[in-house]
Amino acid sequence: MSLGTFLLTPALLRRTIYYVIRNNDPALLVLASLAEGDKHGYAMMEDIERFSAIKLGPGTLYGAITRLEENGWIAPVPTEDRRQPYTLTALGRKSLASELSTLDSVLKTALKRLKHA
């Protein structure tokens, strides 16, 4: 199949997005999950799998949580429960919006270029 006859189907686009996010930035998935509201780790894993069909392992999830907390993008919420919920900070919300804008631009550019290839 030549590039001229290549069609970017919705299924292929979903697989491409899955690959890019899964292999490059699980932190983006955590931020997207927390944009809906405060959650503990297990609730984030379930939410992420539900909205992205990506199953993050505990090591990947908690590694992302640690980096996000160190950068001030998320913060722990006081709790009496043994499970630690996190919240998206103002900086995290701004960073998520910026990342999504960049990703949107990359996707639009790639789609245009594929149509003209």
C-alpha atoms as a PDB file:
ATOM      1  CA  MET A   1       0.000   0.000   0.000  1.00  0.00           C
ATOM      2  CA  SER A   2       1.415   3.356  -0.966  1.00  0.00           C
ATOM      3  CA  LEU A   3       1.099   6.433   1.223  1.00  0.00           C
ATOM      4  CA  GLY A   4      -1.248   7.912  -1.366  1.00  0.00           C
ATOM      5  CA  THR A   5      -3.827   5.213  -0.661  1.00  0.00           C
ATOM      6  CA  PHE A   6      -3.295   5.189   3.114  1.00  0.00           C
ATOM      7  CA  LEU A   7      -6.484   5.928   5.040  1.00  0.00           C
ATOM      8  CA  LEU A   8      -6.421   6.998   8.651  1.00  0.00           C
ATOM      9  CA  THR A   9      -9.473   5.197   9.932  1.00  0.00           C
ATOM     10  CA  PRO A  10     -10.972   6.026  13.329  1.00  0.00           C
ATOM     11  CA  ALA A  11      -9.699   2.674  14.627  1.00  0.00           C
ATOM     12  CA  LEU A  12      -6.159   3.395  13.426  1.00  0.00           C
ATOM     13  CA  LEU A  13      -6.299   6.883  14.930  1.00  0.00           C
ATOM     14  CA  ARG A  14      -7.371   5.421  18.293  1.00  0.00           C
ATOM     15  CA  ARG A  15      -4.519   2.876  18.164  1.00  0.00           C
ATOM     16  CA  THR A  16      -2.042   5.623  17.300  1.00  0.00           C
ATOM     17  CA  ILE A  17      -3.211   7.841  20.158  1.00  0.00           C
ATOM     18  CA  TYR A  18      -3.132   4.781  22.459  1.00  0.00           C
ATOM     19  CA  TYR A  19       0.470   4.042  21.450  1.00  0.00           C
ATOM     20  CA  VAL A  20       1.656   7.642  21.856  1.00  0.00           C
ATOM     21  CA  ILE A  21       0.070   8.169  25.258  1.00  0.00           C
ATOM     22  CA  ARG A  22       0.756   4.691  26.629  1.00  0.00           C
ATOM     23  CA  ASN A  23       4.406   4.770  25.655  1.00  0.00           C
ATOM     24  CA  ASN A  24       5.201   8.409  26.259  1.00  0.00           C
ATOM     25  CA  ASP A  25       3.100  10.076  28.886  1.00  0.00           C
ATOM     26  CA  PRO A  26       1.028   8.239  31.476  1.00  0.00           C
ATOM     27  CA  ALA A  27       1.111  11.505  33.465  1.00  0.00           C
ATOM     28  CA  LEU A  28      -1.238  13.006  30.868  1.00  0.00           C
ATOM     29  CA  LEU A  29      -3.737  10.244  31.638  1.00  0.00           C
ATOM     30  CA  VAL A  30      -3.495  10.951  35.375  1.00  0.00           C
ATOM     31  CA  LEU A  31      -4.077  14.674  34.796  1.00  0.00           C
ATOM     32  CA  ALA A  32      -7.050  13.927  32.546  1.00  0.00           C
ATOM     33  CA  SER A  33      -8.529  11.656  35.196  1.00  0.00           C
ATOM     34  CA  LEU A  34      -8.110  14.223  37.972  1.00  0.00           C
ATOM     35  CA  ALA A  35      -9.639  16.956  35.792  1.00  0.00           C
ATOM     36  CA  GLU A  36     -12.978  15.298  36.608  1.00  0.00           C
ATOM     37  CA  GLY A  37     -12.379  15.411  40.363  1.00  0.00           C
ATOM     38  CA  ASP A  38     -10.257  14.099  43.227  1.00  0.00           C
ATOM     39  CA  LYS A  39      -9.356  10.398  43.122  1.00  0.00           C
ATOM     40  CA  HIS A  40      -7.085   7.875  44.799  1.00  0.00           C
ATOM     41  CA  GLY A  41      -4.765   5.675  42.753  1.00  0.00           C
ATOM     42  CA  TYR A  42      -7.065   2.705  42.224  1.00  0.00           C
ATOM     43  CA  ALA A  43      -9.949   4.978  41.169  1.00  0.00           C
ATOM     44  CA  MET A  44      -7.589   6.703  38.703  1.00  0.00           C
ATOM     45  CA  MET A  45      -6.540   3.344  37.221  1.00  0.00           C
ATOM     46  CA  GLU A  46     -10.189   2.355  36.708  1.00  0.00           C
ATOM     47  CA  ASP A  47     -11.122   5.754  35.260  1.00  0.00           C
ATOM     48  CA  ILE A  48      -8.132   5.809  32.900  1.00  0.00           C
ATOM     49  CA  GLU A  49      -8.935   2.328  31.638  1.00  0.00           C
ATOM     50  CA  ARG A  50     -12.581   3.333  31.129  1.00  0.00           C
ATOM     51  CA  PHE A  51     -11.921   6.516  29.120  1.00  0.00           C
ATOM     52  CA  SER A  52      -8.769   5.466  27.248  1.00  0.00           C
ATOM     53  CA  ALA A  53      -8.780   1.660  27.156  1.00  0.00           C
ATOM     54  CA  ILE A  54      -5.239   1.879  28.594  1.00  0.00           C
ATOM     55  CA  LYS A  55      -4.501  -0.217  31.662  1.00  0.00           C
ATOM     56  CA  LEU A  56      -1.709   1.378  33.675  1.00  0.00           C
ATOM     57  CA  GLY A  57       0.154  -0.849  36.082  1.00  0.00           C
ATOM     58  CA  PRO A  58       0.629   0.328  39.674  1.00  0.00           C
ATOM     59  CA  GLY A  59       4.337   1.112  39.120  1.00  0.00           C
ATOM     60  CA  THR A  60       3.599   3.251  36.080  1.00  0.00           C
ATOM     61  CA  LEU A  61       0.681   4.999  37.786  1.00  0.00           C
ATOM     62  CA  TYR A  62       2.468   5.766  41.052  1.00  0.00           C
ATOM     63  CA  GLY A  63       5.625   6.830  39.218  1.00  0.00           C
ATOM     64  CA  ALA A  64       3.524   9.366  37.295  1.00  0.00           C
ATOM     65  CA  ILE A  65       1.775  10.485  40.489  1.00  0.00           C
ATOM     66  CA  THR A  66       5.143  11.047  42.180  1.00  0.00           C
ATOM     67  CA  ARG A  67       6.481  13.136  39.271  1.00  0.00           C
ATOM     68  CA  LEU A  68       3.263  15.170  39.049  1.00  0.00           C
ATOM     69  CA  GLU A  69       3.280  15.858  42.780  1.00  0.00           C
ATOM     70  CA  GLU A  70       6.972  16.853  42.699  1.00  0.00           C
ATOM     71  CA  ASN A  71       6.162  19.326  39.892  1.00  0.00           C
ATOM     72  CA  GLY A  72       3.234  20.803  41.805  1.00  0.00           C
ATOM     73  CA  TRP A  73       0.663  19.676  39.211  1.00  0.00           C
ATOM     74  CA  ILE A  74      -1.259  17.502  41.673  1.00  0.00           C
ATOM     75  CA  ALA A  75      -1.497  17.543  45.459  1.00  0.00           C
ATOM     76  CA  PRO A  76      -2.622  15.061  48.095  1.00  0.00           C
ATOM     77  CA  VAL A  77      -5.999  15.708  49.697  1.00  0.00           C
ATOM     78  CA  PRO A  78      -6.249  15.305  53.492  1.00  0.00           C
ATOM     79  CA  THR A  79      -8.057  12.072  54.339  1.00  0.00           C
ATOM     80  CA  GLU A  80      -8.756   9.671  57.187  1.00  0.00           C
ATOM     81  CA  ASP A  81      -8.850   6.777  54.703  1.00  0.00           C
ATOM     82  CA  ARG A  82      -5.836   4.545  54.018  1.00  0.00           C
ATOM     83  CA  ARG A  83      -6.109   5.400  50.313  1.00  0.00           C
ATOM     84  CA  GLN A  84      -4.577   8.761  49.404  1.00  0.00           C
ATOM     85  CA  PRO A  85      -6.693  10.895  47.060  1.00  0.00           C
ATOM     86  CA  TYR A  86      -5.105  13.552  44.875  1.00  0.00           C
ATOM     87  CA  THR A  87      -6.389  16.763  43.373  1.00  0.00           C
ATOM     88  CA  LEU A  88      -5.417  18.697  40.278  1.00  0.00           C
ATOM     89  CA  THR A  89      -3.754  22.002  41.209  1.00  0.00           C
ATOM     90  CA  ALA A  90      -4.213  25.260  39.285  1.00  0.00           C
ATOM     91  CA  LEU A  91      -0.760  24.702  37.766  1.00  0.00           C
ATOM     92  CA  GLY A  92      -1.759  21.150  36.824  1.00  0.00           C
ATOM     93  CA  ARG A  93      -4.958  22.354  35.164  1.00  0.00           C
ATOM     94  CA  LYS A  94      -3.002  24.952  33.173  1.00  0.00           C
ATOM     95  CA  SER A  95      -0.369  22.374  32.185  1.00  0.00           C
ATOM     96  CA  LEU A  96      -3.040  19.869  31.112  1.00  0.00           C
ATOM     97  CA  ALA A  97      -4.727  22.491  28.938  1.00  0.00           C
ATOM     98  CA  SER A  98      -1.376  23.336  27.336  1.00  0.00           C
ATOM     99  CA  GLU A  99      -0.493  19.670  26.707  1.00  0.00           C
ATOM    100  CA  LEU A 100      -3.912  18.979  25.180  1.00  0.00           C
ATOM    101  CA  SER A 101      -3.615  22.010  22.922  1.00  0.00           C
ATOM    102  CA  THR A 102      -0.227  20.801  21.697  1.00  0.00           C
ATOM    103  CA  LEU A 103      -1.535  17.263  21.166  1.00  0.00           C
ATOM    104  CA  ASP A 104      -4.541  18.630  19.266  1.00  0.00           C
ATOM    105  CA  SER A 105      -2.225  20.634  17.011  1.00  0.00           C
ATOM    106  CA  VAL A 106      -0.022  17.595  16.338  1.00  0.00           C
ATOM    107  CA  LEU A 107      -3.046  15.431  15.500  1.00  0.00           C
ATOM    108  CA  LYS A 108      -4.540  18.029  13.150  1.00  0.00           C
ATOM    109  CA  THR A 109      -1.217  18.498  11.378  1.00  0.00           C
ATOM    110  CA  ALA A 110      -0.677  14.750  11.029  1.00  0.00           C
ATOM    111  CA  LEU A 111      -4.188  14.232   9.660  1.00  0.00           C
ATOM    112  CA  LYS A 112      -3.722  17.005   7.066  1.00  0.00           C
ATOM    113  CA  ARG A 113      -0.376  15.631   5.985  1.00  0.00           C
ATOM    114  CA  LEU A 114      -1.697  12.099   5.652  1.00  0.00           C
ATOM    115  CA  LYS A 115      -4.551  13.297   3.465  1.00  0.00           C
ATOM    116  CA  HIS A 116      -2.077  15.010   1.119  1.00  0.00           C
ATOM    117  CA  ALA A 117       0.520  12.209   1.091  1.00  0.00           C
END
